[in-house]
PDB file of N, CA and C in Angstrom:
ATOM      1  N   MET A   1    -101.926 -94.622 197.992  1.00  0.00           N
ATOM      2  CA  MET A   1    -101.423 -94.009 196.771  1.00  0.00           C
ATOM      3  C   MET A   1    -101.722 -94.937 195.591  1.00  0.00           C
ATOM      4  N   LYS A   2    -102.189 -94.386 194.517  1.00  0.00           N
ATOM      5  CA  LYS A   2    -102.523 -95.171 193.335  1.00  0.00           C
ATOM      6  C   LYS A   2    -101.270 -95.718 192.673  1.00  0.00           C
ATOM      7  N   ALA A   3    -101.448 -96.823 191.951  1.00  0.00           N
ATOM      8  CA  ALA A   3    -100.322 -97.453 191.260  1.00  0.00           C
ATOM      9  C   ALA A   3     -99.649 -96.495 190.288  1.00  0.00           C
ATOM     10  N   LEU A   4    -100.438 -95.702 189.575  1.00  0.00           N
ATOM     11  CA  LEU A   4     -99.857 -94.796 188.591  1.00  0.00           C
ATOM     12  C   LEU A   4     -99.001 -93.726 189.256  1.00  0.00           C
ATOM     13  N   GLU A   5     -99.399 -93.287 190.450  1.00  0.00           N
ATOM     14  CA  GLU A   5     -98.637 -92.271 191.166  1.00  0.00           C
ATOM     15  C   GLU A   5     -97.319 -92.836 191.685  1.00  0.00           C
ATOM     16  N   GLN A   6     -97.266 -94.145 191.892  1.00  0.00           N
ATOM     17  CA  GLN A   6     -96.061 -94.796 192.381  1.00  0.00           C
ATOM     18  C   GLN A   6     -95.127 -95.181 191.240  1.00  0.00           C
ATOM     19  N   GLY A   7     -95.508 -94.869 190.016  1.00  0.00           N
ATOM     20  CA  GLY A   7     -94.675 -95.198 188.871  1.00  0.00           C
ATOM     21  C   GLY A   7     -94.909 -96.596 188.323  1.00  0.00           C
ATOM     22  N   VAL A   8     -95.898 -97.308 188.851  1.00  0.00           N
ATOM     23  CA  VAL A   8     -96.237 -98.640 188.376  1.00  0.00           C
ATOM     24  C   VAL A   8     -97.192 -98.482 187.197  1.00  0.00           C
ATOM     25  N   ALA A   9     -96.998 -99.293 186.175  1.00  0.00           N
ATOM     26  CA  ALA A   9     -97.853 -99.208 184.988  1.00  0.00           C
ATOM     27  C   ALA A   9     -99.302 -99.494 185.356  1.00  0.00           C
ATOM     28  N   GLY A  10    -100.204 -98.788 184.698  1.00  0.00           N
ATOM     29  CA  GLY A  10    -101.622 -99.002 184.912  1.00  0.00           C
ATOM     30  C   GLY A  10    -102.143-100.092 183.996  1.00  0.00           C
ATOM     31  N   VAL A  11    -103.441-100.198 183.948  1.00  0.00           N
ATOM     32  CA  VAL A  11    -104.115-101.160 183.090  1.00  0.00           C
ATOM     33  C   VAL A  11    -104.730-100.390 181.929  1.00  0.00           C
ATOM     34  N   LEU A  12    -104.491-100.867 180.722  1.00  0.00           N
ATOM     35  CA  LEU A  12    -105.084-100.250 179.535  1.00  0.00           C
ATOM     36  C   LEU A  12    -106.441-100.888 179.263  1.00  0.00           C
ATOM     37  N   PHE A  13    -107.413-100.048 178.940  1.00  0.00           N
ATOM     38  CA  PHE A  13    -108.737-100.519 178.566  1.00  0.00           C
ATOM     39  C   PHE A  13    -109.128 -99.901 177.237  1.00  0.00           C
ATOM     40  N   SER A  14    -109.666-100.730 176.355  1.00  0.00           N
ATOM     41  CA  SER A  14    -110.309-100.255 175.139  1.00  0.00           C
ATOM     42  C   SER A  14    -111.779-100.069 175.504  1.00  0.00           C
ATOM     43  N   VAL A  15    -112.267 -98.832 175.375  1.00  0.00           N
ATOM     44  CA  VAL A  15    -113.630 -98.518 175.807  1.00  0.00           C
ATOM     45  C   VAL A  15    -114.416 -97.963 174.628  1.00  0.00           C
ATOM     46  N   ARG A  16    -115.557 -98.555 174.372  1.00  0.00           N
ATOM     47  CA  ARG A  16    -116.452 -98.084 173.317  1.00  0.00           C
ATOM     48  C   ARG A  16    -117.725 -97.577 173.974  1.00  0.00           C
ATOM     49  N   LEU A  17    -118.069 -96.328 173.674  1.00  0.00           N
ATOM     50  CA  LEU A  17    -119.243 -95.684 174.258  1.00  0.00           C
ATOM     51  C   LEU A  17    -120.171 -95.213 173.142  1.00  0.00           C
ATOM     52  N   VAL A  18    -121.424 -95.593 173.234  1.00  0.00           N
ATOM     53  CA  VAL A  18    -122.433 -95.156 172.271  1.00  0.00           C
ATOM     54  C   VAL A  18    -123.542 -94.469 173.062  1.00  0.00           C
ATOM     55  N   SER A  19    -123.916 -93.281 172.637  1.00  0.00           N
ATOM     56  CA  SER A  19    -124.987 -92.551 173.315  1.00  0.00           C
ATOM     57  C   SER A  19    -126.011 -92.079 172.288  1.00  0.00           C
ATOM     58  N   ARG A  20    -127.198 -91.824 172.768  1.00  0.00           N
ATOM     59  CA  ARG A  20    -128.267 -91.308 171.912  1.00  0.00           C
ATOM     60  C   ARG A  20    -129.007 -90.214 172.667  1.00  0.00           C
ATOM     61  N   GLN A  21    -129.423 -89.201 171.932  1.00  0.00           N
ATOM     62  CA  GLN A  21    -130.233 -88.138 172.523  1.00  0.00           C
ATOM     63  C   GLN A  21    -131.626 -88.693 172.809  1.00  0.00           C
ATOM     64  N   PRO A  22    -132.075 -88.617 174.058  1.00  0.00           N
ATOM     65  CA  PRO A  22    -133.426 -89.089 174.374  1.00  0.00           C
ATOM     66  C   PRO A  22    -134.480 -88.227 173.677  1.00  0.00           C
ATOM     67  N   ALA A  23    -135.585 -88.830 173.324  1.00  0.00           N
ATOM     68  CA  ALA A  23    -136.659 -88.117 172.625  1.00  0.00           C
ATOM     69  C   ALA A  23    -137.233 -86.980 173.469  1.00  0.00           C
ATOM     70  N   ASP A  24    -137.193 -87.128 174.787  1.00  0.00           N
ATOM     71  CA  ASP A  24    -137.784 -86.105 175.657  1.00  0.00           C
ATOM     72  C   ASP A  24    -136.797 -85.005 176.070  1.00  0.00           C
ATOM     73  N   LEU A  25    -135.611 -84.993 175.483  1.00  0.00           N
ATOM     74  CA  LEU A  25    -134.604 -83.977 175.794  1.00  0.00           C
ATOM     75  C   LEU A  25    -134.403 -83.094 174.563  1.00  0.00           C
ATOM     76  N   ASP A  26    -134.678 -81.798 174.708  1.00  0.00           N
ATOM     77  CA  ASP A  26    -134.566 -80.918 173.545  1.00  0.00           C
ATOM     78  C   ASP A  26    -133.101 -80.725 173.142  1.00  0.00           C
ATOM     79  N   THR A  27    -132.908 -80.213 171.951  1.00  0.00           N
ATOM     80  CA  THR A  27    -131.568 -80.075 171.373  1.00  0.00           C
ATOM     81  C   THR A  27    -130.658 -79.211 172.232  1.00  0.00           C
ATOM     82  N   GLU A  28    -131.179 -78.117 172.766  1.00  0.00           N
ATOM     83  CA  GLU A  28    -130.357 -77.223 173.589  1.00  0.00           C
ATOM     84  C   GLU A  28    -129.854 -77.934 174.851  1.00  0.00           C
ATOM     85  N   ALA A  29    -130.737 -78.675 175.505  1.00  0.00           N
ATOM     86  CA  ALA A  29    -130.343 -79.414 176.709  1.00  0.00           C
ATOM     87  C   ALA A  29    -129.331 -80.505 176.359  1.00  0.00           C
ATOM     88  N   TRP A  30    -129.544 -81.174 175.225  1.00  0.00           N
ATOM     89  CA  TRP A  30    -128.616 -82.218 174.780  1.00  0.00           C
ATOM     90  C   TRP A  30    -127.238 -81.631 174.505  1.00  0.00           C
ATOM     91  N   GLN A  31    -127.194 -80.495 173.842  1.00  0.00           N
ATOM     92  CA  GLN A  31    -125.908 -79.867 173.549  1.00  0.00           C
ATOM     93  C   GLN A  31    -125.182 -79.449 174.826  1.00  0.00           C
ATOM     94  N   ALA A  32    -125.928 -79.093 175.861  1.00  0.00           N
ATOM     95  CA  ALA A  32    -125.311 -78.772 177.155  1.00  0.00           C
ATOM     96  C   ALA A  32    -124.652 -80.016 177.752  1.00  0.00           C
ATOM     97  N   VAL A  33    -125.317 -81.163 177.644  1.00  0.00           N
ATOM     98  CA  VAL A  33    -124.737 -82.425 178.128  1.00  0.00           C
ATOM     99  C   VAL A  33    -123.494 -82.769 177.311  1.00  0.00           C
ATOM    100  N   VAL A  34    -123.571 -82.608 176.000  1.00  0.00           N
ATOM    101  CA  VAL A  34    -122.423 -82.881 175.123  1.00  0.00           C
ATOM    102  C   VAL A  34    -121.243 -81.992 175.504  1.00  0.00           C
ATOM    103  N   ALA A  35    -121.498 -80.722 175.779  1.00  0.00           N
ATOM    104  CA  ALA A  35    -120.424 -79.799 176.170  1.00  0.00           C
ATOM    105  C   ALA A  35    -119.779 -80.232 177.484  1.00  0.00           C
ATOM    106  N   GLN A  36    -120.597 -80.668 178.443  1.00  0.00           N
ATOM    107  CA  GLN A  36    -120.055 -81.165 179.714  1.00  0.00           C
ATOM    108  C   GLN A  36    -119.203 -82.410 179.488  1.00  0.00           C
ATOM    109  N   GLN A  37    -119.682 -83.289 178.603  1.00  0.00           N
ATOM    110  CA  GLN A  37    -118.943 -84.520 178.298  1.00  0.00           C
ATOM    111  C   GLN A  37    -117.595 -84.198 177.665  1.00  0.00           C
ATOM    112  N   LEU A  38    -117.577 -83.245 176.743  1.00  0.00           N
ATOM    113  CA  LEU A  38    -116.320 -82.860 176.096  1.00  0.00           C
ATOM    114  C   LEU A  38    -115.323 -82.296 177.105  1.00  0.00           C
ATOM    115  N   LYS A  39    -115.795 -81.490 178.044  1.00  0.00           N
ATOM    116  CA  LYS A  39    -114.914 -80.943 179.085  1.00  0.00           C
ATOM    117  C   LYS A  39    -114.356 -82.057 179.965  1.00  0.00           C
ATOM    118  N   ALA A  40    -115.212 -83.003 180.350  1.00  0.00           N
ATOM    119  CA  ALA A  40    -114.768 -84.125 181.181  1.00  0.00           C
ATOM    120  C   ALA A  40    -113.767 -84.994 180.426  1.00  0.00           C
ATOM    121  N   THR A  41    -114.012 -85.214 179.144  1.00  0.00           N
ATOM    122  CA  THR A  41    -113.109 -86.011 178.316  1.00  0.00           C
ATOM    123  C   THR A  41    -111.756 -85.327 178.191  1.00  0.00           C
ATOM    124  N   LYS A  42    -111.760 -84.026 177.972  1.00  0.00           N
ATOM    125  CA  LYS A  42    -110.503 -83.280 177.880  1.00  0.00           C
ATOM    126  C   LYS A  42    -109.729 -83.361 179.191  1.00  0.00           C
ATOM    127  N   ALA A  43    -110.429 -83.239 180.314  1.00  0.00           N
ATOM    128  CA  ALA A  43    -109.765 -83.327 181.618  1.00  0.00           C
ATOM    129  C   ALA A  43    -109.116 -84.698 181.804  1.00  0.00           C
ATOM    130  N   LEU A  44    -109.814 -85.766 181.411  1.00  0.00           N
ATOM    131  CA  LEU A  44    -109.247 -87.115 181.515  1.00  0.00           C
ATOM    132  C   LEU A  44    -108.035 -87.275 180.606  1.00  0.00           C
ATOM    133  N   ARG A  45    -108.099 -86.691 179.426  1.00  0.00           N
ATOM    134  CA  ARG A  45    -106.945 -86.740 178.518  1.00  0.00           C
ATOM    135  C   ARG A  45    -105.779 -85.950 179.096  1.00  0.00           C
ATOM    136  N   ASP A  46    -106.060 -84.771 179.624  1.00  0.00           N
ATOM    137  CA  ASP A  46    -105.008 -83.942 180.209  1.00  0.00           C
ATOM    138  C   ASP A  46    -104.351 -84.618 181.414  1.00  0.00           C
ATOM    139  N   GLU A  47    -105.127 -85.429 182.165  1.00  0.00           N
ATOM    140  CA  GLU A  47    -104.602 -86.168 183.315  1.00  0.00           C
ATOM    141  C   GLU A  47    -103.823 -87.412 182.896  1.00  0.00           C
ATOM    142  N   GLY A  48    -103.897 -87.778 181.615  1.00  0.00           N
ATOM    143  CA  GLY A  48    -103.225 -88.982 181.145  1.00  0.00           C
ATOM    144  C   GLY A  48    -104.057 -90.239 181.270  1.00  0.00           C
ATOM    145  N   LYS A  49    -105.315 -90.103 181.667  1.00  0.00           N
ATOM    146  CA  LYS A  49    -106.200 -91.270 181.792  1.00  0.00           C
ATOM    147  C   LYS A  49    -106.668 -91.754 180.422  1.00  0.00           C
ATOM    148  N   ILE A  50    -106.852 -90.827 179.482  1.00  0.00           N
ATOM    149  CA  ILE A  50    -107.192 -91.199 178.107  1.00  0.00           C
ATOM    150  C   ILE A  50    -105.931 -91.050 177.275  1.00  0.00           C
ATOM    151  N   LYS A  51    -105.475 -92.170 176.719  1.00  0.00           N
ATOM    152  CA  LYS A  51    -104.257 -92.173 175.898  1.00  0.00           C
ATOM    153  C   LYS A  51    -104.551 -91.863 174.437  1.00  0.00           C
ATOM    154  N   ALA A  52    -105.712 -92.282 173.972  1.00  0.00           N
ATOM    155  CA  ALA A  52    -106.125 -92.033 172.585  1.00  0.00           C
ATOM    156  C   ALA A  52    -107.647 -92.064 172.560  1.00  0.00           C
ATOM    157  N   ILE A  53    -108.219 -91.283 171.646  1.00  0.00           N
ATOM    158  CA  ILE A  53    -109.677 -91.266 171.528  1.00  0.00           C
ATOM    159  C   ILE A  53    -110.038 -91.043 170.063  1.00  0.00           C
ATOM    160  N   TYR A  54    -111.022 -91.797 169.602  1.00  0.00           N
ATOM    161  CA  TYR A  54    -111.433 -91.753 168.204  1.00  0.00           C
ATOM    162  C   TYR A  54    -112.948 -91.701 168.124  1.00  0.00           C
ATOM    163  N   ARG A  55    -113.449 -90.969 167.168  1.00  0.00           N
ATOM    164  CA  ARG A  55    -114.882 -90.942 166.879  1.00  0.00           C
ATOM    165  C   ARG A  55    -115.158 -92.025 165.855  1.00  0.00           C
ATOM    166  N   GLU A  56    -116.101 -92.907 166.158  1.00  0.00           N
ATOM    167  CA  GLU A  56    -116.548 -93.905 165.197  1.00  0.00           C
ATOM    168  C   GLU A  56    -117.714 -93.282 164.434  1.00  0.00           C
ATOM    169  N   THR A  57    -117.525 -93.043 163.166  1.00  0.00           N
ATOM    170  CA  THR A  57    -118.524 -92.347 162.362  1.00  0.00           C
ATOM    171  C   THR A  57    -119.898 -93.002 162.497  1.00  0.00           C
ATOM    172  N   GLY A  58    -120.851 -92.201 162.914  1.00  0.00           N
ATOM    173  CA  GLY A  58    -122.220 -92.668 163.032  1.00  0.00           C
ATOM    174  C   GLY A  58    -122.487 -93.624 164.172  1.00  0.00           C
ATOM    175  N   ALA A  59    -121.489 -93.887 165.004  1.00  0.00           N
ATOM    176  CA  ALA A  59    -121.685 -94.890 166.048  1.00  0.00           C
ATOM    177  C   ALA A  59    -121.429 -94.348 167.449  1.00  0.00           C
ATOM    178  N   GLY A  60    -120.214 -93.951 167.728  1.00  0.00           N
ATOM    179  CA  GLY A  60    -119.878 -93.532 169.086  1.00  0.00           C
ATOM    180  C   GLY A  60    -118.418 -93.165 169.188  1.00  0.00           C
ATOM    181  N   VAL A  61    -117.843 -93.481 170.329  1.00  0.00           N
ATOM    182  CA  VAL A  61    -116.460 -93.132 170.618  1.00  0.00           C
ATOM    183  C   VAL A  61    -115.705 -94.386 171.036  1.00  0.00           C
ATOM    184  N   LEU A  62    -114.468 -94.489 170.582  1.00  0.00           N
ATOM    185  CA  LEU A  62    -113.561 -95.552 171.013  1.00  0.00           C
ATOM    186  C   LEU A  62    -112.371 -94.866 171.661  1.00  0.00           C
ATOM    187  N   ALA A  63    -112.073 -95.226 172.903  1.00  0.00           N
ATOM    188  CA  ALA A  63    -110.976 -94.587 173.627  1.00  0.00           C
ATOM    189  C   ALA A  63    -110.099 -95.640 174.287  1.00  0.00           C
ATOM    190  N   ILE A  64    -108.821 -95.315 174.424  1.00  0.00           N
ATOM    191  CA  ILE A  64    -107.887 -96.141 175.177  1.00  0.00           C
ATOM    192  C   ILE A  64    -107.617 -95.415 176.489  1.00  0.00           C
ATOM    193  N   PHE A  65    -108.018 -96.046 177.580  1.00  0.00           N
ATOM    194  CA  PHE A  65    -107.817 -95.496 178.920  1.00  0.00           C
ATOM    195  C   PHE A  65    -106.630 -96.179 179.579  1.00  0.00           C
ATOM    196  N   ASP A  66    -105.919 -95.448 180.416  1.00  0.00           N
ATOM    197  CA  ASP A  66    -104.828 -95.980 181.236  1.00  0.00           C
ATOM    198  C   ASP A  66    -105.164 -95.645 182.681  1.00  0.00           C
ATOM    199  N   VAL A  67    -105.640 -96.635 183.414  1.00  0.00           N
ATOM    200  CA  VAL A  67    -106.073 -96.437 184.797  1.00  0.00           C
ATOM    201  C   VAL A  67    -105.395 -97.463 185.700  1.00  0.00           C
ATOM    202  N   ALA A  68    -105.532 -97.285 186.997  1.00  0.00           N
ATOM    203  CA  ALA A  68    -104.867 -98.169 187.954  1.00  0.00           C
ATOM    204  C   ALA A  68    -105.429 -99.584 187.923  1.00  0.00           C
ATOM    205  N   ASP A  69    -106.752 -99.704 187.788  1.00  0.00           N
ATOM    206  CA  ASP A  69    -107.370-101.026 187.845  1.00  0.00           C
ATOM    207  C   ASP A  69    -108.812-100.948 187.329  1.00  0.00           C
ATOM    208  N   ALA A  70    -109.487-102.097 187.329  1.00  0.00           N
ATOM    209  CA  ALA A  70    -110.857-102.162 186.817  1.00  0.00           C
ATOM    210  C   ALA A  70    -111.817-101.312 187.649  1.00  0.00           C
ATOM    211  N   ALA A  71    -111.580-101.232 188.946  1.00  0.00           N
ATOM    212  CA  ALA A  71    -112.450-100.418 189.800  1.00  0.00           C
ATOM    213  C   ALA A  71    -112.375 -98.946 189.395  1.00  0.00           C
ATOM    214  N   GLU A  72    -111.163 -98.453 189.126  1.00  0.00           N
ATOM    215  CA  GLU A  72    -111.032 -97.064 188.687  1.00  0.00           C
ATOM    216  C   GLU A  72    -111.691 -96.859 187.325  1.00  0.00           C
ATOM    217  N   MET A  73    -111.580 -97.843 186.439  1.00  0.00           N
ATOM    218  CA  MET A  73    -112.223 -97.726 185.129  1.00  0.00           C
ATOM    219  C   MET A  73    -113.729 -97.604 185.310  1.00  0.00           C
ATOM    220  N   ASP A  74    -114.290 -98.447 186.163  1.00  0.00           N
ATOM    221  CA  ASP A  74    -115.723 -98.433 186.428  1.00  0.00           C
ATOM    222  C   ASP A  74    -116.163 -97.092 187.013  1.00  0.00           C
ATOM    223  N   GLN A  75    -115.410 -96.575 187.974  1.00  0.00           N
ATOM    224  CA  GLN A  75    -115.739 -95.290 188.595  1.00  0.00           C
ATOM    225  C   GLN A  75    -115.633 -94.147 187.591  1.00  0.00           C
ATOM    226  N   THR A  76    -114.633 -94.208 186.735  1.00  0.00           N
ATOM    227  CA  THR A  76    -114.448 -93.164 185.725  1.00  0.00           C
ATOM    228  C   THR A  76    -115.637 -93.120 184.773  1.00  0.00           C
ATOM    229  N   LEU A  77    -116.051 -94.280 184.288  1.00  0.00           N
ATOM    230  CA  LEU A  77    -117.194 -94.327 183.372  1.00  0.00           C
ATOM    231  C   LEU A  77    -118.478 -93.877 184.059  1.00  0.00           C
ATOM    232  N   ALA A  78    -118.666 -94.283 185.302  1.00  0.00           N
ATOM    233  CA  ALA A  78    -119.874 -93.913 186.044  1.00  0.00           C
ATOM    234  C   ALA A  78    -119.944 -92.409 186.292  1.00  0.00           C
ATOM    235  N   GLY A  79    -118.798 -91.750 186.344  1.00  0.00           N
ATOM    236  CA  GLY A  79    -118.766 -90.328 186.619  1.00  0.00           C
ATOM    237  C   GLY A  79    -118.879 -89.427 185.405  1.00  0.00           C
ATOM    238  N   LEU A  80    -118.951 -89.999 184.221  1.00  0.00           N
ATOM    239  CA  LEU A  80    -119.045 -89.176 183.016  1.00  0.00           C
ATOM    240  C   LEU A  80    -120.417 -88.504 182.913  1.00  0.00           C
ATOM    241  N   PRO A  81    -120.455 -87.239 182.516  1.00  0.00           N
ATOM    242  CA  PRO A  81    -121.725 -86.515 182.419  1.00  0.00           C
ATOM    243  C   PRO A  81    -122.755 -87.192 181.511  1.00  0.00           C
ATOM    244  N   MET A  82    -122.299 -87.869 180.482  1.00  0.00           N
ATOM    245  CA  MET A  82    -123.205 -88.494 179.529  1.00  0.00           C
ATOM    246  C   MET A  82    -123.568 -89.924 179.941  1.00  0.00           C
ATOM    247  N   GLY A  83    -123.072 -90.357 181.083  1.00  0.00           N
ATOM    248  CA  GLY A  83    -123.246 -91.741 181.525  1.00  0.00           C
ATOM    249  C   GLY A  83    -124.656 -92.280 181.432  1.00  0.00           C
ATOM    250  N   ARG A  84    -125.629 -91.498 181.849  1.00  0.00           N
ATOM    251  CA  ARG A  84    -127.015 -92.004 181.843  1.00  0.00           C
ATOM    252  C   ARG A  84    -127.599 -92.101 180.439  1.00  0.00           C
ATOM    253  N   TYR A  85    -126.902 -91.517 179.450  1.00  0.00           N
ATOM    254  CA  TYR A  85    -127.386 -91.549 178.071  1.00  0.00           C
ATOM    255  C   TYR A  85    -126.671 -92.595 177.213  1.00  0.00           C
ATOM    256  N   PHE A  86    -125.742 -93.339 177.807  1.00  0.00           N
ATOM    257  CA  PHE A  86    -125.064 -94.384 177.039  1.00  0.00           C
ATOM    258  C   PHE A  86    -126.042 -95.516 176.756  1.00  0.00           C
ATOM    259  N   THR A  87    -126.132 -95.899 175.496  1.00  0.00           N
ATOM    260  CA  THR A  87    -126.970 -97.036 175.122  1.00  0.00           C
ATOM    261  C   THR A  87    -126.143 -98.307 175.030  1.00  0.00           C
ATOM    262  N   SER A  88    -124.831 -98.135 174.925  1.00  0.00           N
ATOM    263  CA  SER A  88    -123.923 -99.278 174.859  1.00  0.00           C
ATOM    264  C   SER A  88    -122.566 -98.864 175.419  1.00  0.00           C
ATOM    265  N   VAL A  89    -122.030 -99.703 176.298  1.00  0.00           N
ATOM    266  CA  VAL A  89    -120.703 -99.485 176.869  1.00  0.00           C
ATOM    267  C   VAL A  89    -119.974-100.817 176.852  1.00  0.00           C
ATOM    268  N   SER A  90    -118.767-100.818 176.309  1.00  0.00           N
ATOM    269  CA  SER A  90    -117.926-102.010 176.433  1.00  0.00           C
ATOM    270  C   SER A  90    -116.536-101.549 176.853  1.00  0.00           C
ATOM    271  N   ALA A  91    -115.963-102.266 177.797  1.00  0.00           N
ATOM    272  CA  ALA A  91    -114.624-101.954 178.290  1.00  0.00           C
ATOM    273  C   ALA A  91    -113.855-103.264 178.404  1.00  0.00           C
ATOM    274  N   ASN A  92    -112.754-103.347 177.683  1.00  0.00           N
ATOM    275  CA  ASN A  92    -111.944-104.560 177.669  1.00  0.00           C
ATOM    276  C   ASN A  92    -110.498-104.229 177.971  1.00  0.00           C
ATOM    277  N   ALA A  93    -109.909-105.000 178.889  1.00  0.00           N
ATOM    278  CA  ALA A  93    -108.486-104.821 179.181  1.00  0.00           C
ATOM    279  C   ALA A  93    -107.683-105.220 177.945  1.00  0.00           C
ATOM    280  N   VAL A  94    -106.679-104.422 177.615  1.00  0.00           N
ATOM    281  CA  VAL A  94    -105.816-104.689 176.458  1.00  0.00           C
ATOM    282  C   VAL A  94    -104.363-104.487 176.867  1.00  0.00           C
ATOM    283  N   TRP A  95    -103.449-104.960 176.041  1.00  0.00           N
ATOM    284  CA  TRP A  95    -102.027-104.705 176.284  1.00  0.00           C
ATOM    285  C   TRP A  95    -101.345-104.393 174.974  1.00  0.00           C
ATOM    286  N   ASP A  96    -100.299-103.622 175.065  1.00  0.00           N
ATOM    287  CA  ASP A  96     -99.560-103.130 173.904  1.00  0.00           C
ATOM    288  C   ASP A  96     -98.663-104.227 173.353  1.00  0.00           C
ATOM    289  N   MET A  97     -98.920-104.674 172.138  1.00  0.00           N
ATOM    290  CA  MET A  97     -98.111-105.715 171.505  1.00  0.00           C
ATOM    291  C   MET A  97     -96.866-105.162 170.834  1.00  0.00           C
ATOM    292  N   GLY A  98     -96.778-103.832 170.706  1.00  0.00           N
ATOM    293  CA  GLY A  98     -95.645-103.216 170.024  1.00  0.00           C
ATOM    294  C   GLY A  98     -94.291-103.701 170.510  1.00  0.00           C
ATOM    295  N   PRO A  99     -94.025-103.667 171.823  1.00  0.00           N
ATOM    296  CA  PRO A  99     -92.722-104.126 172.308  1.00  0.00           C
ATOM    297  C   PRO A  99     -92.439-105.594 171.976  1.00  0.00           C
ATOM    298  N   ALA A 100     -93.465-106.444 172.021  1.00  0.00           N
ATOM    299  CA  ALA A 100     -93.268-107.858 171.696  1.00  0.00           C
ATOM    300  C   ALA A 100     -92.912-108.033 170.225  1.00  0.00           C
ATOM    301  N   LEU A 101     -93.490-107.211 169.367  1.00  0.00           N
ATOM    302  CA  LEU A 101     -93.208-107.311 167.935  1.00  0.00           C
ATOM    303  C   LEU A 101     -91.790-106.871 167.601  1.00  0.00           C
ATOM    304  N   GLU A 102     -91.222-106.013 168.426  1.00  0.00           N
ATOM    305  CA  GLU A 102     -89.847-105.558 168.199  1.00  0.00           C
ATOM    306  C   GLU A 102     -88.851-106.709 168.280  1.00  0.00           C
ATOM    307  N   ASN A 103     -89.192-107.755 169.024  1.00  0.00           N
ATOM    308  CA  ASN A 103     -88.285-108.885 169.222  1.00  0.00           C
ATOM    309  C   ASN A 103     -88.527-110.029 168.250  1.00  0.00           C
ATOM    310  N   VAL A 104     -89.414-109.842 167.293  1.00  0.00           N
ATOM    311  CA  VAL A 104     -89.737-110.911 166.335  1.00  0.00           C
ATOM    312  C   VAL A 104     -88.809-110.823 165.150  1.00  0.00           C
TER     313      VAL A 104
END
């Protein structure tokens, strides 16, 4: 059973994804990949795996993921429909400073 299913807090990751349409992929095919990516992203958000997601104008996407561990983060990214089109991926473990600031 995964840590999240047991009520144990997961690991937060700040993930930045940048993709580009390949020159040999026509616009219609690219839009089909984008549509698949949007559906997969919505499913991850609906499951609670994506806590927040932002579009970086002209660059890519920045998302906060909540997963059980680094292995799950890696598997999640590898399973994204747009995975083979990512030109840059960064994933960094982060933690919420909000509660600590409440005590200052």
